[in-house]
Amino acid sequence: MKRNITQMKAKIERDGASSDFTILECRLQILESYFKQISHIQSQIEKLDETDAARSDVEELFISAKAPLALPVIEPFPVIESNYQKAFDHLVKRYDNKTLIFIDNIKSLFSLAAITKPNAVALRSILDSVSALQLVAH
């Protein structure tokens, strides 16, 4: 768009003296349409003001997809680019506690259902749970 405006301006300056008035009027209308487009884009950008308290539908979807336990931890941070690292650091501070992770893993092991008779599905479930805990531990 900027290139088109620059080309139009150069053409008017180059041919302005010898051009017909109707041609210049058409070019002026084209230029006005470009400025309207720029104005529309500018207003859309201004709507994205990070100080705006209202959340867009995309932001609401993003927030609703988060884990219910983690949401209260980062909810005070407005959803803007400069806050992503702050929110992440806050989550790490809250949840990257080796002792709590260890205790949670032990609780998970003790909460596994006991297998009293041969059952492939139950055995597969226990193996999956133990494998997941091993991945978390490393």
N, C-alpha and C. Protein backbone atom coordinates (compact mmCIF):
# COMPACT_ATOMS: atom_id res chain seq x y z
N MET A 1 0.83 -1.17 0.00
CA MET A 1 0.00 0.00 0.00
C MET A 1 0.89 1.25 0.00
N LYS A 2 1.91 1.24 0.86
CA LYS A 2 2.82 2.38 0.92
C LYS A 2 3.53 2.56 -0.42
N ARG A 3 3.89 1.44 -1.04
CA ARG A 3 4.54 1.49 -2.35
C ARG A 3 3.61 2.12 -3.38
N ASN A 4 2.33 1.75 -3.33
CA ASN A 4 1.35 2.32 -4.27
C ASN A 4 1.20 3.82 -4.10
N ILE A 5 1.17 4.26 -2.85
CA ILE A 5 1.04 5.70 -2.59
C ILE A 5 2.27 6.43 -3.10
N THR A 6 3.45 5.87 -2.86
CA THR A 6 4.69 6.50 -3.33
C THR A 6 4.72 6.56 -4.85
N GLN A 7 4.31 5.48 -5.50
CA GLN A 7 4.27 5.47 -6.97
C GLN A 7 3.29 6.51 -7.50
N MET A 8 2.13 6.60 -6.85
CA MET A 8 1.11 7.56 -7.27
C MET A 8 1.64 8.98 -7.11
N LYS A 9 2.28 9.26 -6.00
CA LYS A 9 2.82 10.60 -5.75
C LYS A 9 3.88 10.95 -6.78
N ALA A 10 4.78 10.01 -7.08
CA ALA A 10 5.82 10.25 -8.08
C ALA A 10 5.20 10.50 -9.45
N LYS A 11 4.17 9.75 -9.79
CA LYS A 11 3.51 9.93 -11.10
C LYS A 11 2.86 11.30 -11.19
N ILE A 12 2.20 11.72 -10.10
CA ILE A 12 1.56 13.04 -10.10
C ILE A 12 2.60 14.14 -10.23
N GLU A 13 3.71 14.01 -9.50
CA GLU A 13 4.76 15.02 -9.59
C GLU A 13 5.38 15.05 -10.98
N ARG A 14 5.56 13.90 -11.59
CA ARG A 14 6.18 13.81 -12.90
C ARG A 14 5.24 14.31 -14.00
N ASP A 15 3.99 13.90 -13.95
CA ASP A 15 3.05 14.21 -15.03
C ASP A 15 2.05 15.30 -14.66
N GLY A 16 2.19 15.89 -13.50
CA GLY A 16 1.18 16.83 -12.99
C GLY A 16 0.88 17.98 -13.92
N ALA A 17 1.88 18.57 -14.50
CA ALA A 17 1.67 19.76 -15.34
C ALA A 17 0.99 19.41 -16.65
N SER A 18 1.30 18.25 -17.20
CA SER A 18 0.75 17.90 -18.51
C SER A 18 -0.50 17.03 -18.44
N SER A 19 -0.89 16.58 -17.25
CA SER A 19 -2.04 15.67 -17.12
C SER A 19 -3.36 16.41 -17.19
N ASP A 20 -4.35 15.68 -17.62
CA ASP A 20 -5.72 16.17 -17.67
C ASP A 20 -6.28 16.23 -16.25
N PHE A 21 -7.16 17.18 -15.99
CA PHE A 21 -7.74 17.36 -14.66
C PHE A 21 -8.53 16.13 -14.22
N THR A 22 -9.24 15.47 -15.13
CA THR A 22 -10.03 14.28 -14.76
C THR A 22 -9.12 13.12 -14.34
N ILE A 23 -7.98 13.00 -14.99
CA ILE A 23 -7.03 11.95 -14.60
C ILE A 23 -6.50 12.21 -13.20
N LEU A 24 -6.17 13.48 -12.94
CA LEU A 24 -5.69 13.85 -11.60
C LEU A 24 -6.77 13.60 -10.55
N GLU A 25 -8.01 13.87 -10.89
CA GLU A 25 -9.11 13.63 -9.96
C GLU A 25 -9.26 12.13 -9.66
N CYS A 26 -9.12 11.29 -10.66
CA CYS A 26 -9.18 9.84 -10.46
C CYS A 26 -8.04 9.38 -9.55
N ARG A 27 -6.85 9.92 -9.79
CA ARG A 27 -5.70 9.56 -8.96
C ARG A 27 -5.92 10.02 -7.51
N LEU A 28 -6.53 11.17 -7.35
CA LEU A 28 -6.82 11.67 -6.02
C LEU A 28 -7.79 10.73 -5.29
N GLN A 29 -8.79 10.24 -6.01
CA GLN A 29 -9.74 9.30 -5.40
C GLN A 29 -9.06 7.99 -5.01
N ILE A 30 -8.16 7.54 -5.86
CA ILE A 30 -7.41 6.32 -5.53
C ILE A 30 -6.57 6.55 -4.28
N LEU A 31 -5.91 7.70 -4.23
CA LEU A 31 -5.10 8.04 -3.06
C LEU A 31 -5.95 8.11 -1.80
N GLU A 32 -7.13 8.70 -1.92
CA GLU A 32 -8.03 8.79 -0.76
C GLU A 32 -8.44 7.40 -0.28
N SER A 33 -8.65 6.48 -1.22
CA SER A 33 -9.02 5.12 -0.82
C SER A 33 -7.86 4.45 -0.08
N TYR A 34 -6.62 4.71 -0.53
CA TYR A 34 -5.46 4.17 0.19
C TYR A 34 -5.39 4.73 1.60
N PHE A 35 -5.62 6.01 1.75
CA PHE A 35 -5.58 6.63 3.07
C PHE A 35 -6.69 6.09 3.97
N LYS A 36 -7.85 5.78 3.39
CA LYS A 36 -8.93 5.17 4.18
C LYS A 36 -8.52 3.79 4.68
N GLN A 37 -7.85 3.03 3.80
CA GLN A 37 -7.38 1.71 4.20
C GLN A 37 -6.34 1.82 5.32
N ILE A 38 -5.43 2.77 5.18
CA ILE A 38 -4.42 2.98 6.21
C ILE A 38 -5.08 3.39 7.52
N SER A 39 -6.05 4.27 7.43
CA SER A 39 -6.76 4.72 8.63
C SER A 39 -7.47 3.55 9.31
N HIS A 40 -8.08 2.68 8.52
CA HIS A 40 -8.76 1.50 9.07
C HIS A 40 -7.75 0.59 9.78
N ILE A 41 -6.63 0.34 9.13
CA ILE A 41 -5.59 -0.51 9.73
C ILE A 41 -5.08 0.12 11.02
N GLN A 42 -4.86 1.43 10.99
CA GLN A 42 -4.39 2.13 12.18
C GLN A 42 -5.38 1.98 13.33
N SER A 43 -6.67 2.10 13.04
CA SER A 43 -7.67 1.97 14.11
C SER A 43 -7.69 0.54 14.66
N GLN A 44 -7.47 -0.45 13.79
CA GLN A 44 -7.40 -1.84 14.26
C GLN A 44 -6.20 -2.05 15.17
N ILE A 45 -5.08 -1.43 14.83
CA ILE A 45 -3.88 -1.53 15.67
C ILE A 45 -4.13 -0.87 17.01
N GLU A 46 -4.78 0.27 17.00
CA GLU A 46 -5.05 0.98 18.25
C GLU A 46 -5.99 0.17 19.15
N LYS A 47 -6.84 -0.65 18.56
CA LYS A 47 -7.72 -1.50 19.36
C LYS A 47 -6.94 -2.56 20.12
N LEU A 48 -5.73 -2.86 19.67
CA LEU A 48 -4.91 -3.86 20.31
C LEU A 48 -4.08 -3.28 21.45
N ASP A 49 -4.46 -2.14 21.94
CA ASP A 49 -3.75 -1.46 23.01
C ASP A 49 -3.64 -2.39 24.22
N GLU A 50 -2.41 -2.62 24.68
CA GLU A 50 -2.19 -3.57 25.77
C GLU A 50 -2.73 -3.08 27.11
N THR A 51 -3.06 -1.82 27.22
CA THR A 51 -3.63 -1.33 28.48
C THR A 51 -5.13 -1.57 28.53
N ASP A 52 -5.70 -2.03 27.44
CA ASP A 52 -7.14 -2.30 27.38
C ASP A 52 -7.46 -3.50 28.27
N ALA A 53 -8.42 -3.33 29.15
CA ALA A 53 -8.75 -4.38 30.13
C ALA A 53 -9.60 -5.50 29.52
N ALA A 54 -10.33 -5.22 28.47
CA ALA A 54 -11.21 -6.24 27.87
C ALA A 54 -10.37 -7.27 27.13
N ARG A 55 -10.77 -8.53 27.23
CA ARG A 55 -10.05 -9.60 26.55
C ARG A 55 -10.78 -9.97 25.27
N SER A 56 -10.00 -10.32 24.26
CA SER A 56 -10.59 -10.77 23.00
C SER A 56 -11.03 -12.23 23.16
N ASP A 57 -11.78 -12.71 22.19
CA ASP A 57 -12.23 -14.10 22.22
C ASP A 57 -11.05 -15.06 22.20
N VAL A 58 -10.01 -14.72 21.44
CA VAL A 58 -8.83 -15.58 21.36
C VAL A 58 -8.14 -15.66 22.72
N GLU A 59 -8.03 -14.52 23.39
CA GLU A 59 -7.41 -14.52 24.72
C GLU A 59 -8.24 -15.34 25.70
N GLU A 60 -9.55 -15.21 25.63
CA GLU A 60 -10.42 -15.98 26.52
C GLU A 60 -10.27 -17.48 26.26
N LEU A 61 -10.19 -17.87 24.99
CA LEU A 61 -10.00 -19.28 24.64
C LEU A 61 -8.66 -19.77 25.17
N PHE A 62 -7.62 -18.97 24.99
CA PHE A 62 -6.28 -19.31 25.47
C PHE A 62 -6.29 -19.53 26.97
N ILE A 63 -6.94 -18.64 27.69
CA ILE A 63 -6.98 -18.74 29.15
C ILE A 63 -7.83 -19.93 29.59
N SER A 64 -8.95 -20.16 28.91
CA SER A 64 -9.82 -21.28 29.31
C SER A 64 -9.17 -22.63 29.05
N ALA A 65 -8.20 -22.68 28.14
CA ALA A 65 -7.53 -23.94 27.83
C ALA A 65 -6.45 -24.29 28.85
N LYS A 66 -6.09 -23.38 29.70
CA LYS A 66 -5.04 -23.62 30.69
C LYS A 66 -5.55 -24.55 31.79
N ALA A 67 -4.61 -25.19 32.45
CA ALA A 67 -4.96 -26.08 33.56
C ALA A 67 -5.65 -25.28 34.65
N PRO A 68 -6.73 -25.82 35.23
CA PRO A 68 -7.47 -25.07 36.25
C PRO A 68 -6.62 -24.68 37.46
N LEU A 69 -5.63 -25.48 37.82
CA LEU A 69 -4.80 -25.13 38.97
C LEU A 69 -3.79 -24.04 38.64
N ALA A 70 -3.33 -23.99 37.41
CA ALA A 70 -2.32 -22.99 37.03
C ALA A 70 -2.94 -21.63 36.73
N LEU A 71 -4.19 -21.62 36.35
CA LEU A 71 -4.83 -20.36 35.96
C LEU A 71 -4.80 -19.30 37.05
N PRO A 72 -5.17 -19.61 38.28
CA PRO A 72 -5.13 -18.56 39.31
C PRO A 72 -3.73 -17.98 39.54
N VAL A 73 -2.70 -18.77 39.22
CA VAL A 73 -1.33 -18.30 39.42
C VAL A 73 -0.96 -17.22 38.42
N ILE A 74 -1.44 -17.35 37.18
CA ILE A 74 -1.03 -16.38 36.15
C ILE A 74 -2.14 -15.42 35.74
N GLU A 75 -3.33 -15.59 36.29
CA GLU A 75 -4.45 -14.74 35.90
C GLU A 75 -4.19 -13.25 36.14
N PRO A 76 -3.45 -12.87 37.19
CA PRO A 76 -3.21 -11.43 37.40
C PRO A 76 -2.40 -10.76 36.28
N PHE A 77 -1.70 -11.56 35.48
CA PHE A 77 -0.88 -11.00 34.40
C PHE A 77 -1.75 -10.76 33.17
N PRO A 78 -1.82 -9.53 32.65
CA PRO A 78 -2.54 -9.30 31.39
C PRO A 78 -1.89 -10.11 30.26
N VAL A 79 -2.68 -10.60 29.32
CA VAL A 79 -2.16 -11.42 28.23
C VAL A 79 -1.56 -10.52 27.16
N ILE A 80 -0.30 -10.17 27.39
CA ILE A 80 0.48 -9.39 26.42
C ILE A 80 1.87 -10.00 26.34
N GLU A 81 2.55 -9.73 25.26
CA GLU A 81 3.84 -10.37 25.00
C GLU A 81 4.84 -10.14 26.13
N SER A 82 4.89 -8.95 26.66
CA SER A 82 5.89 -8.64 27.69
C SER A 82 5.64 -9.39 29.00
N ASN A 83 4.46 -9.94 29.19
CA ASN A 83 4.15 -10.66 30.43
C ASN A 83 4.33 -12.17 30.33
N TYR A 84 4.57 -12.70 29.13
CA TYR A 84 4.68 -14.15 28.99
C TYR A 84 5.82 -14.71 29.84
N GLN A 85 6.98 -14.08 29.79
CA GLN A 85 8.12 -14.57 30.57
C GLN A 85 7.85 -14.43 32.07
N LYS A 86 7.23 -13.33 32.47
CA LYS A 86 6.90 -13.13 33.89
C LYS A 86 5.94 -14.22 34.37
N ALA A 87 4.92 -14.51 33.57
CA ALA A 87 3.95 -15.54 33.95
C ALA A 87 4.61 -16.91 34.01
N PHE A 88 5.47 -17.19 33.04
CA PHE A 88 6.18 -18.48 33.03
C PHE A 88 7.07 -18.60 34.26
N ASP A 89 7.83 -17.55 34.57
CA ASP A 89 8.69 -17.57 35.76
C ASP A 89 7.88 -17.79 37.03
N HIS A 90 6.71 -17.18 37.07
CA HIS A 90 5.84 -17.33 38.24
C HIS A 90 5.34 -18.78 38.36
N LEU A 91 5.00 -19.40 37.23
CA LEU A 91 4.58 -20.80 37.24
C LEU A 91 5.72 -21.72 37.67
N VAL A 92 6.92 -21.45 37.16
CA VAL A 92 8.08 -22.26 37.54
C VAL A 92 8.34 -22.14 39.04
N LYS A 93 8.26 -20.91 39.54
CA LYS A 93 8.48 -20.68 40.97
C LYS A 93 7.47 -21.47 41.80
N ARG A 94 6.23 -21.50 41.34
CA ARG A 94 5.17 -22.17 42.10
C ARG A 94 5.24 -23.69 41.98
N TYR A 95 5.48 -24.21 40.76
CA TYR A 95 5.33 -25.64 40.53
C TYR A 95 6.63 -26.42 40.35
N ASP A 96 7.75 -25.77 40.18
CA ASP A 96 9.01 -26.49 39.99
C ASP A 96 9.68 -26.71 41.34
N ASN A 97 8.97 -27.37 42.23
CA ASN A 97 9.45 -27.66 43.57
C ASN A 97 9.73 -29.16 43.62
N LYS A 98 11.01 -29.52 43.68
CA LYS A 98 11.41 -30.93 43.59
C LYS A 98 10.79 -31.78 44.70
N THR A 99 10.70 -31.24 45.89
CA THR A 99 10.12 -32.00 47.01
C THR A 99 8.65 -32.29 46.76
N LEU A 100 7.90 -31.28 46.33
CA LEU A 100 6.47 -31.49 46.05
C LEU A 100 6.26 -32.47 44.90
N ILE A 101 7.11 -32.38 43.89
CA ILE A 101 7.01 -33.30 42.75
C ILE A 101 7.27 -34.73 43.22
N PHE A 102 8.28 -34.92 44.06
CA PHE A 102 8.60 -36.25 44.60
C PHE A 102 7.43 -36.80 45.41
N ILE A 103 6.89 -35.99 46.31
CA ILE A 103 5.76 -36.43 47.14
C ILE A 103 4.55 -36.78 46.28
N ASP A 104 4.29 -35.97 45.26
CA ASP A 104 3.16 -36.23 44.37
C ASP A 104 3.36 -37.54 43.61
N ASN A 105 4.60 -37.80 43.19
CA ASN A 105 4.89 -39.06 42.49
C ASN A 105 4.69 -40.26 43.40
N ILE A 106 5.12 -40.15 44.64
CA ILE A 106 4.93 -41.24 45.61
C ILE A 106 3.44 -41.49 45.84
N LYS A 107 2.68 -40.40 45.99
CA LYS A 107 1.22 -40.54 46.16
C LYS A 107 0.61 -41.25 44.95
N SER A 108 1.09 -40.90 43.77
CA SER A 108 0.57 -41.54 42.55
C SER A 108 0.86 -43.04 42.55
N LEU A 109 2.06 -43.42 43.00
CA LEU A 109 2.40 -44.84 43.04
C LEU A 109 1.51 -45.60 44.02
N PHE A 110 1.27 -45.00 45.19
CA PHE A 110 0.44 -45.68 46.18
C PHE A 110 -1.04 -45.68 45.82
N SER A 111 -1.44 -44.81 44.94
CA SER A 111 -2.85 -44.76 44.55
C SER A 111 -3.18 -45.69 43.38
N LEU A 112 -2.16 -46.36 42.84
CA LEU A 112 -2.41 -47.30 41.75
C LEU A 112 -3.24 -48.48 42.26
N ALA A 113 -4.16 -48.92 41.45
CA ALA A 113 -5.03 -50.04 41.84
C ALA A 113 -4.22 -51.33 41.92
N ALA A 114 -4.50 -52.11 42.93
CA ALA A 114 -3.83 -53.41 43.09
C ALA A 114 -4.38 -54.40 42.08
N ILE A 115 -3.50 -55.25 41.58
CA ILE A 115 -3.92 -56.29 40.64
C ILE A 115 -3.96 -57.60 41.42
N THR A 116 -5.15 -58.15 41.58
CA THR A 116 -5.30 -59.39 42.36
C THR A 116 -5.31 -60.64 41.49
N LYS A 117 -5.64 -60.50 40.22
CA LYS A 117 -5.61 -61.63 39.31
C LYS A 117 -5.13 -61.13 37.94
N PRO A 118 -4.70 -62.04 37.07
CA PRO A 118 -4.15 -61.61 35.78
C PRO A 118 -5.14 -60.72 35.00
N ASN A 119 -4.65 -59.54 34.64
CA ASN A 119 -5.49 -58.59 33.90
C ASN A 119 -4.57 -57.71 33.06
N ALA A 120 -4.59 -57.92 31.76
CA ALA A 120 -3.68 -57.21 30.87
C ALA A 120 -3.95 -55.70 30.85
N VAL A 121 -5.21 -55.31 30.91
CA VAL A 121 -5.57 -53.88 30.87
C VAL A 121 -5.06 -53.17 32.12
N ALA A 122 -5.26 -53.79 33.28
CA ALA A 122 -4.79 -53.19 34.54
C ALA A 122 -3.27 -53.12 34.57
N LEU A 123 -2.61 -54.18 34.09
CA LEU A 123 -1.15 -54.19 34.04
C LEU A 123 -0.64 -53.09 33.11
N ARG A 124 -1.29 -52.94 31.96
CA ARG A 124 -0.90 -51.89 31.01
C ARG A 124 -1.06 -50.51 31.64
N SER A 125 -2.12 -50.31 32.40
CA SER A 125 -2.37 -49.04 33.07
C SER A 125 -1.28 -48.73 34.10
N ILE A 126 -0.89 -49.74 34.87
CA ILE A 126 0.17 -49.54 35.86
C ILE A 126 1.50 -49.22 35.17
N LEU A 127 1.81 -49.96 34.12
CA LEU A 127 3.05 -49.70 33.38
C LEU A 127 3.06 -48.29 32.78
N ASP A 128 1.93 -47.87 32.24
CA ASP A 128 1.84 -46.51 31.68
C ASP A 128 2.05 -45.46 32.77
N SER A 129 1.46 -45.68 33.93
CA SER A 129 1.60 -44.73 35.04
C SER A 129 3.04 -44.66 35.52
N VAL A 130 3.68 -45.81 35.68
CA VAL A 130 5.07 -45.84 36.14
C VAL A 130 5.99 -45.21 35.09
N SER A 131 5.74 -45.49 33.82
CA SER A 131 6.55 -44.87 32.75
C SER A 131 6.41 -43.36 32.77
N ALA A 132 5.19 -42.88 32.96
CA ALA A 132 4.97 -41.43 33.01
C ALA A 132 5.70 -40.81 34.20
N LEU A 133 5.67 -41.50 35.34
CA LEU A 133 6.39 -41.00 36.52
C LEU A 133 7.90 -41.00 36.30
N GLN A 134 8.40 -42.01 35.58
CA GLN A 134 9.84 -42.03 35.28
C GLN A 134 10.22 -40.86 34.38
N LEU A 135 9.37 -40.53 33.42
CA LEU A 135 9.65 -39.39 32.54
C LEU A 135 9.66 -38.08 33.32
N VAL A 136 8.74 -37.94 34.27
CA VAL A 136 8.68 -36.73 35.08
C VAL A 136 9.92 -36.62 35.96
N ALA A 137 10.41 -37.75 36.45
CA ALA A 137 11.56 -37.75 37.35
C ALA A 137 12.85 -37.34 36.65
N HIS A 138 12.93 -37.51 35.36
CA HIS A 138 14.18 -37.19 34.66
C HIS A 138 14.12 -35.89 33.98
